[in-house]
Amino acid sequence: MIIGIAGPYSSHTEEGRRANLNKLNEVAARVLEMGHIPLIGVNAALPIIQQAQVNNNYNTIMDISMAVISACEAILVIGESKGANRERDYIMAKGLPVYYSLDEIPTP
């Protein structure tokens, strides 16, 4: 199953953003070890916005993140934020599974 990983990325400090991204990636690694394909929207967005001249980094990150999430069959929410909640709500509206812990994810 393709599972989006949603949680906070934004922070007031670069250190906070790195810590949040590390947490998302650590959880994604566990999902991969369980036999699923994890996707993180911000991982797709960051290399692009670092090269592009855009007016609003947050909106661009969210646009790319939502495109990534649209390919997912479920989502694992590891923390709340405006963006994570938007991703969760999108998956819920499609009637797909929303998980809040690794223990809830079925084994393939």
C-alpha atoms as a PDB file:
ATOM      1  CA  MET A   1       0.000   0.000   0.000  1.00  0.00           C
ATOM      2  CA  ILE A   2       1.191   3.529  -0.736  1.00  0.00           C
ATOM      3  CA  ILE A   3       0.986   5.450   2.540  1.00  0.00           C
ATOM      4  CA  GLY A   4       1.473   9.190   2.887  1.00  0.00           C
ATOM      5  CA  ILE A   5       3.240  10.337   6.042  1.00  0.00           C
ATOM      6  CA  ALA A   6       1.790  13.573   7.424  1.00  0.00           C
ATOM      7  CA  GLY A   7       3.053  15.679  10.273  1.00  0.00           C
ATOM      8  CA  PRO A   8       4.447  19.095  11.014  1.00  0.00           C
ATOM      9  CA  TYR A   9       7.365  20.418   8.980  1.00  0.00           C
ATOM     10  CA  SER A  10       7.208  24.178   9.563  1.00  0.00           C
ATOM     11  CA  SER A  11       9.048  25.668  12.496  1.00  0.00           C
ATOM     12  CA  HIS A  12      10.388  29.038  13.555  1.00  0.00           C
ATOM     13  CA  THR A  13      13.951  27.714  13.280  1.00  0.00           C
ATOM     14  CA  GLU A  14      15.978  25.753  10.762  1.00  0.00           C
ATOM     15  CA  GLU A  15      16.837  23.300  13.541  1.00  0.00           C
ATOM     16  CA  GLY A  16      13.139  22.754  14.202  1.00  0.00           C
ATOM     17  CA  ARG A  17      12.422  22.138  10.507  1.00  0.00           C
ATOM     18  CA  ARG A  18      15.288  19.626  10.337  1.00  0.00           C
ATOM     19  CA  ALA A  19      13.988  17.824  13.430  1.00  0.00           C
ATOM     20  CA  ASN A  20      10.467  17.679  12.009  1.00  0.00           C
ATOM     21  CA  LEU A  21      11.712  16.376   8.661  1.00  0.00           C
ATOM     22  CA  ASN A  22      13.886  13.785  10.400  1.00  0.00           C
ATOM     23  CA  LYS A  23      10.847  12.552  12.332  1.00  0.00           C
ATOM     24  CA  LEU A  24       8.805  12.226   9.120  1.00  0.00           C
ATOM     25  CA  ASN A  25      11.628  10.300   7.460  1.00  0.00           C
ATOM     26  CA  GLU A  26      12.191   8.037  10.481  1.00  0.00           C
ATOM     27  CA  VAL A  27       8.529   7.052  10.500  1.00  0.00           C
ATOM     28  CA  ALA A  28       8.597   6.568   6.715  1.00  0.00           C
ATOM     29  CA  ALA A  29      11.532   4.174   7.159  1.00  0.00           C
ATOM     30  CA  ARG A  30       9.461   2.105   9.603  1.00  0.00           C
ATOM     31  CA  VAL A  31       6.549   2.037   7.126  1.00  0.00           C
ATOM     32  CA  LEU A  32       8.924   0.844   4.407  1.00  0.00           C
ATOM     33  CA  GLU A  33      10.262  -1.887   6.704  1.00  0.00           C
ATOM     34  CA  MET A  34       6.657  -3.011   7.216  1.00  0.00           C
ATOM     35  CA  GLY A  35       6.403  -3.659   3.476  1.00  0.00           C
ATOM     36  CA  HIS A  36       4.583  -0.501   2.347  1.00  0.00           C
ATOM     37  CA  ILE A  37       5.646   2.422   0.146  1.00  0.00           C
ATOM     38  CA  PRO A  38       5.865   5.665   2.166  1.00  0.00           C
ATOM     39  CA  LEU A  39       5.540   9.075   0.528  1.00  0.00           C
ATOM     40  CA  ILE A  40       6.250  12.459   2.124  1.00  0.00           C
ATOM     41  CA  GLY A  41       5.097  15.510   0.198  1.00  0.00           C
ATOM     42  CA  VAL A  42       7.617  17.902   1.692  1.00  0.00           C
ATOM     43  CA  ASN A  43      10.443  15.612   0.524  1.00  0.00           C
ATOM     44  CA  ALA A  44       9.228  16.082  -3.037  1.00  0.00           C
ATOM     45  CA  ALA A  45       8.776  19.831  -2.601  1.00  0.00           C
ATOM     46  CA  LEU A  46      11.953  20.970  -0.840  1.00  0.00           C
ATOM     47  CA  PRO A  47      14.510  20.303  -3.601  1.00  0.00           C
ATOM     48  CA  ILE A  48      12.279  22.089  -6.094  1.00  0.00           C
ATOM     49  CA  ILE A  49      11.619  25.225  -4.052  1.00  0.00           C
ATOM     50  CA  GLN A  50      15.323  25.487  -3.252  1.00  0.00           C
ATOM     51  CA  GLN A  51      15.943  25.916  -6.990  1.00  0.00           C
ATOM     52  CA  ALA A  52      12.823  27.850  -8.016  1.00  0.00           C
ATOM     53  CA  GLN A  53      11.914  31.476  -7.560  1.00  0.00           C
ATOM     54  CA  VAL A  54       8.413  31.324  -6.069  1.00  0.00           C
ATOM     55  CA  ASN A  55       6.353  33.936  -4.271  1.00  0.00           C
ATOM     56  CA  ASN A  56       5.217  31.758  -1.384  1.00  0.00           C
ATOM     57  CA  ASN A  57       7.235  28.738  -0.289  1.00  0.00           C
ATOM     58  CA  TYR A  58       4.479  27.414   1.993  1.00  0.00           C
ATOM     59  CA  ASN A  59       1.851  27.435  -0.764  1.00  0.00           C
ATOM     60  CA  THR A  60       4.244  25.764  -3.186  1.00  0.00           C
ATOM     61  CA  ILE A  61       5.169  23.094  -0.652  1.00  0.00           C
ATOM     62  CA  MET A  62       1.476  22.434  -0.024  1.00  0.00           C
ATOM     63  CA  ASP A  63       0.637  22.286  -3.740  1.00  0.00           C
ATOM     64  CA  ILE A  64       3.337  19.688  -4.310  1.00  0.00           C
ATOM     65  CA  SER A  65       2.487  17.836  -1.090  1.00  0.00           C
ATOM     66  CA  MET A  66      -1.160  17.565  -2.076  1.00  0.00           C
ATOM     67  CA  ALA A  67      -0.175  16.210  -5.495  1.00  0.00           C
ATOM     68  CA  VAL A  68       1.937  13.557  -3.761  1.00  0.00           C
ATOM     69  CA  ILE A  69      -0.823  12.705  -1.280  1.00  0.00           C
ATOM     70  CA  SER A  70      -3.291  12.291  -4.143  1.00  0.00           C
ATOM     71  CA  ALA A  71      -1.312   9.197  -5.189  1.00  0.00           C
ATOM     72  CA  CYS A  72      -1.625   7.587  -1.741  1.00  0.00           C
ATOM     73  CA  GLU A  73      -3.941   4.784  -0.683  1.00  0.00           C
ATOM     74  CA  ALA A  74      -3.818   5.740   3.012  1.00  0.00           C
ATOM     75  CA  ILE A  75      -2.167   8.250   5.315  1.00  0.00           C
ATOM     76  CA  LEU A  76      -0.299   7.990   8.606  1.00  0.00           C
ATOM     77  CA  VAL A  77      -0.676  11.148  10.678  1.00  0.00           C
ATOM     78  CA  ILE A  78       2.184  11.558  13.169  1.00  0.00           C
ATOM     79  CA  GLY A  79       1.288  15.048  14.346  1.00  0.00           C
ATOM     80  CA  GLU A  80      -1.054  17.895  13.622  1.00  0.00           C
ATOM     81  CA  SER A  81      -0.327  20.991  11.619  1.00  0.00           C
ATOM     82  CA  LYS A  82      -2.269  23.034   9.110  1.00  0.00           C
ATOM     83  CA  GLY A  83      -0.695  21.116   6.234  1.00  0.00           C
ATOM     84  CA  ALA A  84      -0.908  17.670   7.843  1.00  0.00           C
ATOM     85  CA  ASN A  85      -4.565  18.258   8.651  1.00  0.00           C
ATOM     86  CA  ARG A  86      -5.221  19.287   5.055  1.00  0.00           C
ATOM     87  CA  GLU A  87      -3.574  16.088   3.793  1.00  0.00           C
ATOM     88  CA  ARG A  88      -5.528  13.991   6.301  1.00  0.00           C
ATOM     89  CA  ASP A  89      -8.810  15.621   5.357  1.00  0.00           C
ATOM     90  CA  TYR A  90      -8.143  14.967   1.674  1.00  0.00           C
ATOM     91  CA  ILE A  91      -7.547  11.249   2.291  1.00  0.00           C
ATOM     92  CA  MET A  92     -10.601  11.055   4.569  1.00  0.00           C
ATOM     93  CA  ALA A  93     -12.775  12.695   1.895  1.00  0.00           C
ATOM     94  CA  LYS A  94     -11.694   9.978  -0.534  1.00  0.00           C
ATOM     95  CA  GLY A  95     -12.822   7.348   1.984  1.00  0.00           C
ATOM     96  CA  LEU A  96      -9.296   5.972   2.380  1.00  0.00           C
ATOM     97  CA  PRO A  97      -7.724   4.780   5.643  1.00  0.00           C
ATOM     98  CA  VAL A  98      -6.270   7.277   8.095  1.00  0.00           C
ATOM     99  CA  TYR A  99      -3.813   5.822  10.610  1.00  0.00           C
ATOM    100  CA  TYR A 100      -2.449   7.527  13.707  1.00  0.00           C
ATOM    101  CA  SER A 101       0.172   4.969  14.731  1.00  0.00           C
ATOM    102  CA  LEU A 102       2.330   2.336  13.104  1.00  0.00           C
ATOM    103  CA  ASP A 103       0.424  -0.335  15.051  1.00  0.00           C
ATOM    104  CA  GLU A 104      -2.749   0.460  13.122  1.00  0.00           C
ATOM    105  CA  ILE A 105      -1.205  -0.233   9.703  1.00  0.00           C
ATOM    106  CA  PRO A 106      -1.995  -3.722   8.406  1.00  0.00           C
ATOM    107  CA  THR A 107       0.797  -6.039   7.343  1.00  0.00           C
ATOM    108  CA  PRO A 108       0.777  -6.684   3.595  1.00  0.00           C
END
